[in-house]
Amino acid sequence: MRFLIGITGSSGSIYGVRFLERCPGEKFLIVSDWGARVIEHELAKNVEDIAVHAKAVFDDNDLAAPFSSGSNRYDAFIILPCSISTLAKIANGIADTLITRAAQVALKERMKLVLGVRETPLSSIALENALKLSREGAIFMPVSPPWYKNPSSMDDIVDGFIDKVLPVLGVPVAGGWREDALE
């Protein structure tokens, strides 16, 4: 499987980095300028540190990168975390960065687009933008970890949410809620 992963400037960069680490298959990464700054602030890492988990990293300012075109297919584009600004740009057809352009391509080509928004509370404008994108086929996944797994660490909380994202992409994950009752 081939995945395009975008990390924007919203807080919660650990989710995007952990997804990049755990997601199987061929992975391509785009990190916005603010995404890079948040990674440095929250994780004391830089893009080069996390790039080892991707086949290639593209500059968010490079609108001539391969994923600016629908002729370069992938199974899903995951933006995690997705800032409210990025959500608004995508919902309103603004394609001024590689992340927003690739999202426009995903929508027009009917490729899977998953947006992991970490912001709270959400304004009516953000909710309307999410609804608009959901109607276009995007999957809106607010970062909300599953507490039924009784997490005991920050890693458990982050992994719990990643365990919710992976199946949306067709990647099986064991340990669903009350899975043992299915035996």
C-alpha atoms as a PDB file:
ATOM      1  CA  MET A   1       0.000   0.000   0.000  1.00  0.00           C
ATOM      2  CA  ARG A   2       1.088   3.565  -0.679  1.00  0.00           C
ATOM      3  CA  PHE A   3       0.318   6.369   1.767  1.00  0.00           C
ATOM      4  CA  LEU A   4       0.882  10.100   1.641  1.00  0.00           C
ATOM      5  CA  ILE A   5       1.211  11.608   5.118  1.00  0.00           C
ATOM      6  CA  GLY A   6       0.940  15.295   5.938  1.00  0.00           C
ATOM      7  CA  ILE A   7       1.868  16.843   9.274  1.00  0.00           C
ATOM      8  CA  THR A   8       0.665  20.415   9.785  1.00  0.00           C
ATOM      9  CA  GLY A   9       1.190  23.006  12.510  1.00  0.00           C
ATOM     10  CA  SER A  10      -1.486  21.886  14.919  1.00  0.00           C
ATOM     11  CA  SER A  11      -0.408  20.724  18.342  1.00  0.00           C
ATOM     12  CA  GLY A  12      -0.311  16.945  18.652  1.00  0.00           C
ATOM     13  CA  SER A  13       2.572  16.212  16.299  1.00  0.00           C
ATOM     14  CA  ILE A  14       3.171  12.979  18.241  1.00  0.00           C
ATOM     15  CA  TYR A  15       0.116  11.537  16.487  1.00  0.00           C
ATOM     16  CA  GLY A  16       1.522  12.189  13.017  1.00  0.00           C
ATOM     17  CA  VAL A  17       4.971  10.926  13.940  1.00  0.00           C
ATOM     18  CA  ARG A  18       3.616   7.771  15.596  1.00  0.00           C
ATOM     19  CA  PHE A  19       1.370   7.129  12.600  1.00  0.00           C
ATOM     20  CA  LEU A  20       4.388   7.495  10.315  1.00  0.00           C
ATOM     21  CA  GLU A  21       6.297   4.991  12.462  1.00  0.00           C
ATOM     22  CA  ARG A  22       3.506   2.408  12.680  1.00  0.00           C
ATOM     23  CA  CYS A  23       1.849   2.594   9.283  1.00  0.00           C
ATOM     24  CA  PRO A  24       2.989  -0.223   6.996  1.00  0.00           C
ATOM     25  CA  GLY A  25       3.714   0.116   3.309  1.00  0.00           C
ATOM     26  CA  GLU A  26       5.281   2.768   1.144  1.00  0.00           C
ATOM     27  CA  LYS A  27       5.074   6.152   2.893  1.00  0.00           C
ATOM     28  CA  PHE A  28       5.691   9.637   1.546  1.00  0.00           C
ATOM     29  CA  LEU A  29       5.841  12.582   3.909  1.00  0.00           C
ATOM     30  CA  ILE A  30       5.038  16.278   3.692  1.00  0.00           C
ATOM     31  CA  VAL A  31       5.607  18.467   6.752  1.00  0.00           C
ATOM     32  CA  SER A  32       4.461  22.071   6.727  1.00  0.00           C
ATOM     33  CA  ASP A  33       6.819  24.761   8.015  1.00  0.00           C
ATOM     34  CA  TRP A  34       4.716  25.119  11.166  1.00  0.00           C
ATOM     35  CA  GLY A  35       4.461  21.342  11.448  1.00  0.00           C
ATOM     36  CA  ALA A  36       8.258  21.191  11.598  1.00  0.00           C
ATOM     37  CA  ARG A  37       8.306  23.872  14.295  1.00  0.00           C
ATOM     38  CA  VAL A  38       5.717  22.036  16.386  1.00  0.00           C
ATOM     39  CA  ILE A  39       7.658  18.747  16.046  1.00  0.00           C
ATOM     40  CA  GLU A  40      10.751  20.542  17.343  1.00  0.00           C
ATOM     41  CA  HIS A  41       8.848  22.164  20.219  1.00  0.00           C
ATOM     42  CA  GLU A  42       6.746  19.172  21.304  1.00  0.00           C
ATOM     43  CA  LEU A  43       9.078  16.268  20.549  1.00  0.00           C
ATOM     44  CA  ALA A  44      12.571  17.808  20.433  1.00  0.00           C
ATOM     45  CA  LYS A  45      12.996  16.212  16.993  1.00  0.00           C
ATOM     46  CA  ASN A  46      13.328  17.554  13.488  1.00  0.00           C
ATOM     47  CA  VAL A  47      12.032  16.420  10.115  1.00  0.00           C
ATOM     48  CA  GLU A  48      15.297  14.595   9.389  1.00  0.00           C
ATOM     49  CA  ASP A  49      14.792  12.509  12.549  1.00  0.00           C
ATOM     50  CA  ILE A  50      11.400  11.250  11.410  1.00  0.00           C
ATOM     51  CA  ALA A  51      12.235  11.063   7.687  1.00  0.00           C
ATOM     52  CA  VAL A  52      13.836   7.649   8.232  1.00  0.00           C
ATOM     53  CA  HIS A  53      10.301   6.206   8.357  1.00  0.00           C
ATOM     54  CA  ALA A  54       9.353   7.539   4.913  1.00  0.00           C
ATOM     55  CA  LYS A  55      10.456   6.551   1.429  1.00  0.00           C
ATOM     56  CA  ALA A  56      10.717  10.254   0.557  1.00  0.00           C
ATOM     57  CA  VAL A  57       9.987  13.650   2.076  1.00  0.00           C
ATOM     58  CA  PHE A  58       8.607  16.506  -0.024  1.00  0.00           C
ATOM     59  CA  ASP A  59       8.792  20.198   0.780  1.00  0.00           C
ATOM     60  CA  ASP A  60       5.359  21.676   1.455  1.00  0.00           C
ATOM     61  CA  ASN A  61       6.295  24.665  -0.719  1.00  0.00           C
ATOM     62  CA  ASP A  62       7.057  22.449  -3.747  1.00  0.00           C
ATOM     63  CA  LEU A  63       3.902  22.591  -5.831  1.00  0.00           C
ATOM     64  CA  ALA A  64       5.736  20.758  -8.621  1.00  0.00           C
ATOM     65  CA  ALA A  65       6.195  17.635  -6.457  1.00  0.00           C
ATOM     66  CA  PRO A  66       4.759  14.372  -7.857  1.00  0.00           C
ATOM     67  CA  PHE A  67       1.688  14.357  -5.590  1.00  0.00           C
ATOM     68  CA  SER A  68       0.486  17.645  -7.095  1.00  0.00           C
ATOM     69  CA  SER A  69      -0.870  15.487  -9.909  1.00  0.00           C
ATOM     70  CA  GLY A  70      -3.592  12.868  -9.877  1.00  0.00           C
ATOM     71  CA  SER A  71      -1.474  10.716 -12.163  1.00  0.00           C
ATOM     72  CA  ASN A  72       0.564   9.670  -9.101  1.00  0.00           C
ATOM     73  CA  ARG A  73      -1.820   7.416  -7.201  1.00  0.00           C
ATOM     74  CA  TYR A  74      -1.814   6.391  -3.571  1.00  0.00           C
ATOM     75  CA  ASP A  75      -4.172   4.471  -1.320  1.00  0.00           C
ATOM     76  CA  ALA A  76      -4.789   7.321   1.127  1.00  0.00           C
ATOM     77  CA  PHE A  77      -3.657  10.778   2.152  1.00  0.00           C
ATOM     78  CA  ILE A  78      -3.626  11.198   5.919  1.00  0.00           C
ATOM     79  CA  ILE A  79      -3.160  14.656   7.427  1.00  0.00           C
ATOM     80  CA  LEU A  80      -2.353  14.155  11.097  1.00  0.00           C
ATOM     81  CA  PRO A  81      -2.539  16.461  12.860  1.00  0.00           C
ATOM     82  CA  CYS A  82      -4.570  18.649  10.555  1.00  0.00           C
ATOM     83  CA  SER A  83      -4.723  22.291  11.600  1.00  0.00           C
ATOM     84  CA  ILE A  84      -7.993  24.204  11.389  1.00  0.00           C
ATOM     85  CA  SER A  85      -6.314  26.495   8.851  1.00  0.00           C
ATOM     86  CA  THR A  86      -5.464  23.503   6.636  1.00  0.00           C
ATOM     87  CA  LEU A  87      -8.998  22.161   7.037  1.00  0.00           C
ATOM     88  CA  ALA A  88     -10.401  25.547   5.959  1.00  0.00           C
ATOM     89  CA  LYS A  89      -8.113  25.813   2.950  1.00  0.00           C
ATOM     90  CA  ILE A  90      -8.988  22.318   1.738  1.00  0.00           C
ATOM     91  CA  ALA A  91     -12.726  22.867   2.265  1.00  0.00           C
ATOM     92  CA  ASN A  92     -12.604  26.082   0.264  1.00  0.00           C
ATOM     93  CA  GLY A  93     -10.479  24.861  -2.628  1.00  0.00           C
ATOM     94  CA  ILE A  94      -7.306  26.734  -1.688  1.00  0.00           C
ATOM     95  CA  ALA A  95      -4.278  24.789  -2.921  1.00  0.00           C
ATOM     96  CA  ASP A  96      -1.378  27.063  -2.020  1.00  0.00           C
ATOM     97  CA  THR A  97       0.888  24.404  -0.452  1.00  0.00           C
ATOM     98  CA  LEU A  98       1.717  20.828  -1.396  1.00  0.00           C
ATOM     99  CA  ILE A  99      -0.451  19.536   1.468  1.00  0.00           C
ATOM    100  CA  THR A 100      -3.499  21.528   0.359  1.00  0.00           C
ATOM    101  CA  ARG A 101      -2.851  20.803  -3.338  1.00  0.00           C
ATOM    102  CA  ALA A 102      -2.476  17.061  -2.703  1.00  0.00           C
ATOM    103  CA  ALA A 103      -5.730  17.159  -0.711  1.00  0.00           C
ATOM    104  CA  GLN A 104      -7.486  18.824  -3.660  1.00  0.00           C
ATOM    105  CA  VAL A 105      -6.091  16.090  -5.908  1.00  0.00           C
ATOM    106  CA  ALA A 106      -7.323  13.391  -3.502  1.00  0.00           C
ATOM    107  CA  LEU A 107     -10.812  14.896  -3.554  1.00  0.00           C
ATOM    108  CA  LYS A 108     -11.037  15.310  -7.322  1.00  0.00           C
ATOM    109  CA  GLU A 109      -9.588  11.855  -7.993  1.00  0.00           C
ATOM    110  CA  ARG A 110     -11.769  10.254  -5.287  1.00  0.00           C
ATOM    111  CA  MET A 111      -8.779   8.936  -3.377  1.00  0.00           C
ATOM    112  CA  LYS A 112      -9.148   8.425   0.371  1.00  0.00           C
ATOM    113  CA  LEU A 113      -8.480  11.575   2.411  1.00  0.00           C
ATOM    114  CA  VAL A 114      -8.334  11.354   6.223  1.00  0.00           C
ATOM    115  CA  LEU A 115      -8.133  14.499   8.351  1.00  0.00           C
ATOM    116  CA  GLY A 116      -7.105  14.104  11.996  1.00  0.00           C
ATOM    117  CA  VAL A 117      -8.037  17.417  13.590  1.00  0.00           C
ATOM    118  CA  ARG A 118      -6.771  17.901  17.137  1.00  0.00           C
ATOM    119  CA  GLU A 119      -8.295  21.321  17.870  1.00  0.00           C
ATOM    120  CA  THR A 120     -10.949  21.939  20.518  1.00  0.00           C
ATOM    121  CA  PRO A 121     -13.390  23.553  20.825  1.00  0.00           C
ATOM    122  CA  LEU A 122     -14.461  23.750  17.207  1.00  0.00           C
ATOM    123  CA  SER A 123     -16.136  26.866  15.844  1.00  0.00           C
ATOM    124  CA  SER A 124     -19.230  26.632  13.676  1.00  0.00           C
ATOM    125  CA  ILE A 125     -17.016  27.582  10.730  1.00  0.00           C
ATOM    126  CA  ALA A 126     -14.662  24.629  11.377  1.00  0.00           C
ATOM    127  CA  LEU A 127     -17.643  22.282  11.764  1.00  0.00           C
ATOM    128  CA  GLU A 128     -19.144  23.534   8.500  1.00  0.00           C
ATOM    129  CA  ASN A 129     -15.802  23.022   6.749  1.00  0.00           C
ATOM    130  CA  ALA A 130     -15.568  19.478   8.147  1.00  0.00           C
ATOM    131  CA  LEU A 131     -19.126  18.757   7.005  1.00  0.00           C
ATOM    132  CA  LYS A 132     -18.377  20.142   3.554  1.00  0.00           C
ATOM    133  CA  LEU A 133     -15.356  17.833   3.221  1.00  0.00           C
ATOM    134  CA  SER A 134     -17.216  14.850   4.649  1.00  0.00           C
ATOM    135  CA  ARG A 135     -19.873  15.310   1.968  1.00  0.00           C
ATOM    136  CA  GLU A 136     -17.065  15.213  -0.608  1.00  0.00           C
ATOM    137  CA  GLY A 137     -15.850  11.873   0.753  1.00  0.00           C
ATOM    138  CA  ALA A 138     -13.127  12.966   3.173  1.00  0.00           C
ATOM    139  CA  ILE A 139     -12.995  11.159   6.501  1.00  0.00           C
ATOM    140  CA  PHE A 140     -12.946  13.569   9.431  1.00  0.00           C
ATOM    141  CA  MET A 141     -11.320  11.960  12.492  1.00  0.00           C
ATOM    142  CA  PRO A 142     -10.976  14.292  15.461  1.00  0.00           C
ATOM    143  CA  VAL A 143      -8.106  13.082  17.611  1.00  0.00           C
ATOM    144  CA  SER A 144     -10.043  11.314  20.331  1.00  0.00           C
ATOM    145  CA  PRO A 145      -8.306   8.312  21.858  1.00  0.00           C
ATOM    146  CA  PRO A 146     -10.368   5.270  22.832  1.00  0.00           C
ATOM    147  CA  TRP A 147     -10.478   5.118  26.615  1.00  0.00           C
ATOM    148  CA  TYR A 148     -12.017   1.619  26.679  1.00  0.00           C
ATOM    149  CA  LYS A 149      -8.502   0.194  26.399  1.00  0.00           C
ATOM    150  CA  ASN A 150      -7.704   1.709  29.811  1.00  0.00           C
ATOM    151  CA  PRO A 151      -4.493   3.441  28.747  1.00  0.00           C
ATOM    152  CA  SER A 152      -1.837   3.722  31.414  1.00  0.00           C
ATOM    153  CA  SER A 153       0.659   5.923  29.587  1.00  0.00           C
ATOM    154  CA  MET A 154       0.874   8.682  27.007  1.00  0.00           C
ATOM    155  CA  ASP A 155       2.118   6.081  24.507  1.00  0.00           C
ATOM    156  CA  ASP A 156      -1.018   3.995  25.133  1.00  0.00           C
ATOM    157  CA  ILE A 157      -3.212   7.043  24.484  1.00  0.00           C
ATOM    158  CA  VAL A 158      -1.436   7.913  21.227  1.00  0.00           C
ATOM    159  CA  ASP A 159      -1.326   4.289  20.043  1.00  0.00           C
ATOM    160  CA  GLY A 160      -5.015   3.887  20.880  1.00  0.00           C
ATOM    161  CA  PHE A 161      -5.896   6.619  18.407  1.00  0.00           C
ATOM    162  CA  ILE A 162      -3.505   5.272  15.759  1.00  0.00           C
ATOM    163  CA  ASP A 163      -5.264   1.907  16.220  1.00  0.00           C
ATOM    164  CA  LYS A 164      -8.472   3.707  15.158  1.00  0.00           C
ATOM    165  CA  VAL A 165      -6.887   5.298  12.063  1.00  0.00           C
ATOM    166  CA  LEU A 166      -5.159   2.217  10.628  1.00  0.00           C
ATOM    167  CA  PRO A 167      -8.358   0.147  10.047  1.00  0.00           C
ATOM    168  CA  VAL A 168      -9.949   3.121   8.236  1.00  0.00           C
ATOM    169  CA  LEU A 169      -7.092   2.693   5.759  1.00  0.00           C
ATOM    170  CA  GLY A 170      -7.569  -1.061   5.459  1.00  0.00           C
ATOM    171  CA  VAL A 171      -4.736  -1.969   7.834  1.00  0.00           C
ATOM    172  CA  PRO A 172      -5.973  -4.553  10.345  1.00  0.00           C
ATOM    173  CA  VAL A 173      -5.337  -3.958  14.042  1.00  0.00           C
ATOM    174  CA  ALA A 174      -6.124  -6.487  16.770  1.00  0.00           C
ATOM    175  CA  GLY A 175      -7.634  -5.634  20.123  1.00  0.00           C
ATOM    176  CA  GLY A 176     -10.974  -4.017  19.381  1.00  0.00           C
ATOM    177  CA  TRP A 177     -13.469  -3.247  22.110  1.00  0.00           C
ATOM    178  CA  ARG A 178     -14.593  -6.555  23.698  1.00  0.00           C
ATOM    179  CA  GLU A 179     -12.943  -8.473  20.859  1.00  0.00           C
ATOM    180  CA  ASP A 180     -12.615 -11.479  23.172  1.00  0.00           C
ATOM    181  CA  ALA A 181     -16.428 -11.846  23.127  1.00  0.00           C
ATOM    182  CA  LEU A 182     -16.177 -12.775  19.441  1.00  0.00           C
ATOM    183  CA  GLU A 183     -14.185 -15.926  20.166  1.00  0.00           C
END
